[in-house]
Amino acid sequence: MGRVSQTQNIDSLIACLQVIIENQCSLSDQDLLILNEALKKLQILRNKKGKTNKELRKEVQKIVELFARYFS
């Protein structure tokens, strides 16, 4: 996957999380903390240069695991 495509995918995830955080008043404080933590990780990941596809997948996998742990 090219760098532009990676950035677009990460940007899409960030945008989705921001919409969820801003528009879901029924989320608990714990839910909001988890979503904000994931958002912060994605924003950091977006700004990192030189990451390989494997490294990016690992980082995104950690975020998905975070969601799975708390929202299942």
N, C-alpha and C. Protein backbone atom coordinates (compact mmCIF):
# COMPACT_ATOMS: atom_id res chain seq x y z
N MET A 1 0.85 -1.17 0.00
CA MET A 1 0.00 0.00 0.00
C MET A 1 0.90 1.24 0.00
N GLY A 2 0.58 2.20 -0.85
CA GLY A 2 1.37 3.41 -0.93
C GLY A 2 1.13 4.34 0.24
N ARG A 3 2.04 5.26 0.41
CA ARG A 3 1.96 6.21 1.52
C ARG A 3 0.67 7.04 1.47
N VAL A 4 0.28 7.47 0.27
CA VAL A 4 -0.93 8.28 0.13
C VAL A 4 -2.15 7.47 0.56
N SER A 5 -2.21 6.23 0.12
CA SER A 5 -3.33 5.35 0.48
C SER A 5 -3.37 5.09 1.98
N GLN A 6 -2.21 4.88 2.58
CA GLN A 6 -2.13 4.66 4.03
C GLN A 6 -2.66 5.88 4.77
N THR A 7 -2.21 7.05 4.35
CA THR A 7 -2.64 8.29 5.00
C THR A 7 -4.15 8.48 4.85
N GLN A 8 -4.69 8.18 3.69
CA GLN A 8 -6.13 8.31 3.47
C GLN A 8 -6.91 7.36 4.37
N ASN A 9 -6.43 6.13 4.51
CA ASN A 9 -7.10 5.16 5.38
C ASN A 9 -7.07 5.61 6.84
N ILE A 10 -5.94 6.08 7.28
CA ILE A 10 -5.81 6.56 8.66
C ILE A 10 -6.70 7.79 8.86
N ASP A 11 -6.70 8.69 7.87
CA ASP A 11 -7.56 9.88 7.96
C ASP A 11 -9.03 9.50 8.07
N SER A 12 -9.43 8.47 7.33
CA SER A 12 -10.82 8.01 7.38
C SER A 12 -11.16 7.46 8.77
N LEU A 13 -10.26 6.69 9.35
CA LEU A 13 -10.49 6.17 10.70
C LEU A 13 -10.58 7.30 11.71
N ILE A 14 -9.70 8.29 11.59
CA ILE A 14 -9.72 9.43 12.49
C ILE A 14 -11.05 10.18 12.37
N ALA A 15 -11.49 10.41 11.14
CA ALA A 15 -12.75 11.14 10.92
C ALA A 15 -13.93 10.38 11.52
N CYS A 16 -13.95 9.06 11.34
CA CYS A 16 -15.05 8.25 11.90
C CYS A 16 -15.06 8.32 13.42
N LEU A 17 -13.91 8.20 14.03
CA LEU A 17 -13.84 8.27 15.49
C LEU A 17 -14.29 9.64 15.99
N GLN A 18 -13.89 10.69 15.30
CA GLN A 18 -14.30 12.03 15.72
C GLN A 18 -15.82 12.20 15.64
N VAL A 19 -16.43 11.66 14.61
CA VAL A 19 -17.89 11.74 14.48
C VAL A 19 -18.56 10.98 15.62
N ILE A 20 -18.06 9.80 15.92
CA ILE A 20 -18.63 9.00 17.01
C ILE A 20 -18.50 9.73 18.33
N ILE A 21 -17.32 10.27 18.61
CA ILE A 21 -17.08 10.97 19.88
C ILE A 21 -17.99 12.19 20.01
N GLU A 22 -18.15 12.94 18.93
CA GLU A 22 -18.93 14.18 18.98
C GLU A 22 -20.43 13.96 19.00
N ASN A 23 -20.91 12.84 18.45
CA ASN A 23 -22.35 12.69 18.26
C ASN A 23 -23.02 11.60 19.09
N GLN A 24 -22.30 10.89 19.89
CA GLN A 24 -22.89 9.80 20.66
C GLN A 24 -22.95 10.18 22.14
N CYS A 25 -24.01 10.79 22.54
CA CYS A 25 -24.15 11.23 23.93
C CYS A 25 -24.38 10.06 24.88
N SER A 26 -24.71 8.89 24.36
CA SER A 26 -24.99 7.74 25.22
C SER A 26 -23.73 6.98 25.62
N LEU A 27 -22.56 7.43 25.17
CA LEU A 27 -21.32 6.75 25.53
C LEU A 27 -20.96 7.05 26.98
N SER A 28 -20.44 6.05 27.65
CA SER A 28 -19.98 6.25 29.03
C SER A 28 -18.64 6.98 29.02
N ASP A 29 -18.24 7.43 30.19
CA ASP A 29 -16.94 8.10 30.30
C ASP A 29 -15.81 7.14 29.91
N GLN A 30 -15.93 5.87 30.29
CA GLN A 30 -14.93 4.86 29.94
C GLN A 30 -14.87 4.68 28.42
N ASP A 31 -16.03 4.64 27.77
CA ASP A 31 -16.08 4.51 26.32
C ASP A 31 -15.37 5.68 25.64
N LEU A 32 -15.65 6.88 26.14
CA LEU A 32 -15.01 8.07 25.57
C LEU A 32 -13.50 8.06 25.76
N LEU A 33 -13.05 7.58 26.91
CA LEU A 33 -11.60 7.48 27.14
C LEU A 33 -10.95 6.54 26.14
N ILE A 34 -11.59 5.42 25.88
CA ILE A 34 -11.06 4.43 24.94
C ILE A 34 -11.03 5.01 23.53
N LEU A 35 -12.11 5.64 23.12
CA LEU A 35 -12.17 6.22 21.79
C LEU A 35 -11.14 7.34 21.63
N ASN A 36 -10.98 8.16 22.65
CA ASN A 36 -9.98 9.23 22.59
C ASN A 36 -8.56 8.68 22.56
N GLU A 37 -8.32 7.59 23.28
CA GLU A 37 -7.01 6.94 23.25
C GLU A 37 -6.71 6.41 21.85
N ALA A 38 -7.68 5.78 21.24
CA ALA A 38 -7.52 5.26 19.88
C ALA A 38 -7.29 6.42 18.90
N LEU A 39 -8.03 7.48 19.07
CA LEU A 39 -7.88 8.65 18.20
C LEU A 39 -6.47 9.23 18.31
N LYS A 40 -5.98 9.33 19.53
CA LYS A 40 -4.63 9.86 19.75
C LYS A 40 -3.58 8.96 19.09
N LYS A 41 -3.74 7.64 19.22
CA LYS A 41 -2.80 6.71 18.61
C LYS A 41 -2.80 6.84 17.09
N LEU A 42 -3.98 7.00 16.50
CA LEU A 42 -4.08 7.15 15.06
C LEU A 42 -3.44 8.46 14.59
N GLN A 43 -3.63 9.52 15.34
CA GLN A 43 -3.05 10.80 14.97
C GLN A 43 -1.52 10.74 15.03
N ILE A 44 -0.99 10.07 16.02
CA ILE A 44 0.46 9.88 16.11
C ILE A 44 0.95 9.03 14.94
N LEU A 45 0.22 7.95 14.67
CA LEU A 45 0.59 7.05 13.58
C LEU A 45 0.57 7.78 12.24
N ARG A 46 -0.39 8.65 12.05
CA ARG A 46 -0.50 9.38 10.79
C ARG A 46 0.73 10.25 10.53
N ASN A 47 1.30 10.79 11.57
CA ASN A 47 2.43 11.71 11.42
C ASN A 47 3.79 11.02 11.37
N LYS A 48 3.82 9.73 11.61
CA LYS A 48 5.09 9.01 11.56
C LYS A 48 5.48 8.74 10.12
N LYS A 49 6.70 9.01 9.81
CA LYS A 49 7.21 8.78 8.46
C LYS A 49 8.04 7.51 8.45
N GLY A 50 8.07 6.85 7.32
CA GLY A 50 8.95 5.70 7.15
C GLY A 50 8.45 4.40 7.73
N LYS A 51 7.20 4.33 8.09
CA LYS A 51 6.64 3.08 8.61
C LYS A 51 6.38 2.13 7.45
N THR A 52 6.71 0.87 7.64
CA THR A 52 6.42 -0.14 6.63
C THR A 52 4.96 -0.58 6.77
N ASN A 53 4.46 -1.27 5.76
CA ASN A 53 3.09 -1.78 5.82
C ASN A 53 2.91 -2.69 7.02
N LYS A 54 3.90 -3.51 7.30
CA LYS A 54 3.81 -4.44 8.43
C LYS A 54 3.71 -3.67 9.75
N GLU A 55 4.50 -2.62 9.91
CA GLU A 55 4.46 -1.82 11.13
C GLU A 55 3.11 -1.10 11.28
N LEU A 56 2.60 -0.59 10.18
CA LEU A 56 1.30 0.08 10.22
C LEU A 56 0.19 -0.89 10.59
N ARG A 57 0.21 -2.08 10.00
CA ARG A 57 -0.80 -3.08 10.33
C ARG A 57 -0.74 -3.45 11.80
N LYS A 58 0.46 -3.55 12.35
CA LYS A 58 0.60 -3.87 13.76
C LYS A 58 -0.02 -2.80 14.65
N GLU A 59 0.22 -1.55 14.30
CA GLU A 59 -0.34 -0.44 15.08
C GLU A 59 -1.86 -0.42 14.99
N VAL A 60 -2.40 -0.61 13.80
CA VAL A 60 -3.85 -0.63 13.64
C VAL A 60 -4.43 -1.84 14.36
N GLN A 61 -3.72 -2.96 14.33
CA GLN A 61 -4.18 -4.15 15.05
C GLN A 61 -4.29 -3.88 16.54
N LYS A 62 -3.36 -3.13 17.10
CA LYS A 62 -3.42 -2.77 18.52
C LYS A 62 -4.67 -1.95 18.83
N ILE A 63 -5.02 -1.05 17.92
CA ILE A 63 -6.21 -0.22 18.11
C ILE A 63 -7.46 -1.08 18.04
N VAL A 64 -7.52 -2.00 17.09
CA VAL A 64 -8.67 -2.90 16.97
C VAL A 64 -8.78 -3.78 18.22
N GLU A 65 -7.65 -4.26 18.72
CA GLU A 65 -7.66 -5.07 19.94
C GLU A 65 -8.17 -4.25 21.12
N LEU A 66 -7.82 -2.99 21.16
CA LEU A 66 -8.31 -2.09 22.21
C LEU A 66 -9.83 -2.01 22.16
N PHE A 67 -10.38 -1.83 20.96
CA PHE A 67 -11.83 -1.81 20.79
C PHE A 67 -12.46 -3.14 21.20
N ALA A 68 -11.88 -4.21 20.75
CA ALA A 68 -12.44 -5.54 21.03
C ALA A 68 -12.45 -5.82 22.53
N ARG A 69 -11.43 -5.42 23.21
CA ARG A 69 -11.33 -5.68 24.64
C ARG A 69 -12.41 -4.95 25.42
N TYR A 70 -12.71 -3.72 25.05
CA TYR A 70 -13.62 -2.91 25.83
C TYR A 70 -15.05 -2.86 25.32
N PHE A 71 -15.27 -3.18 24.04
CA PHE A 71 -16.61 -3.08 23.49
C PHE A 71 -17.24 -4.41 23.17
N SER A 72 -16.65 -5.49 23.67
CA SER A 72 -17.25 -6.80 23.40
C SER A 72 -17.87 -7.38 24.65
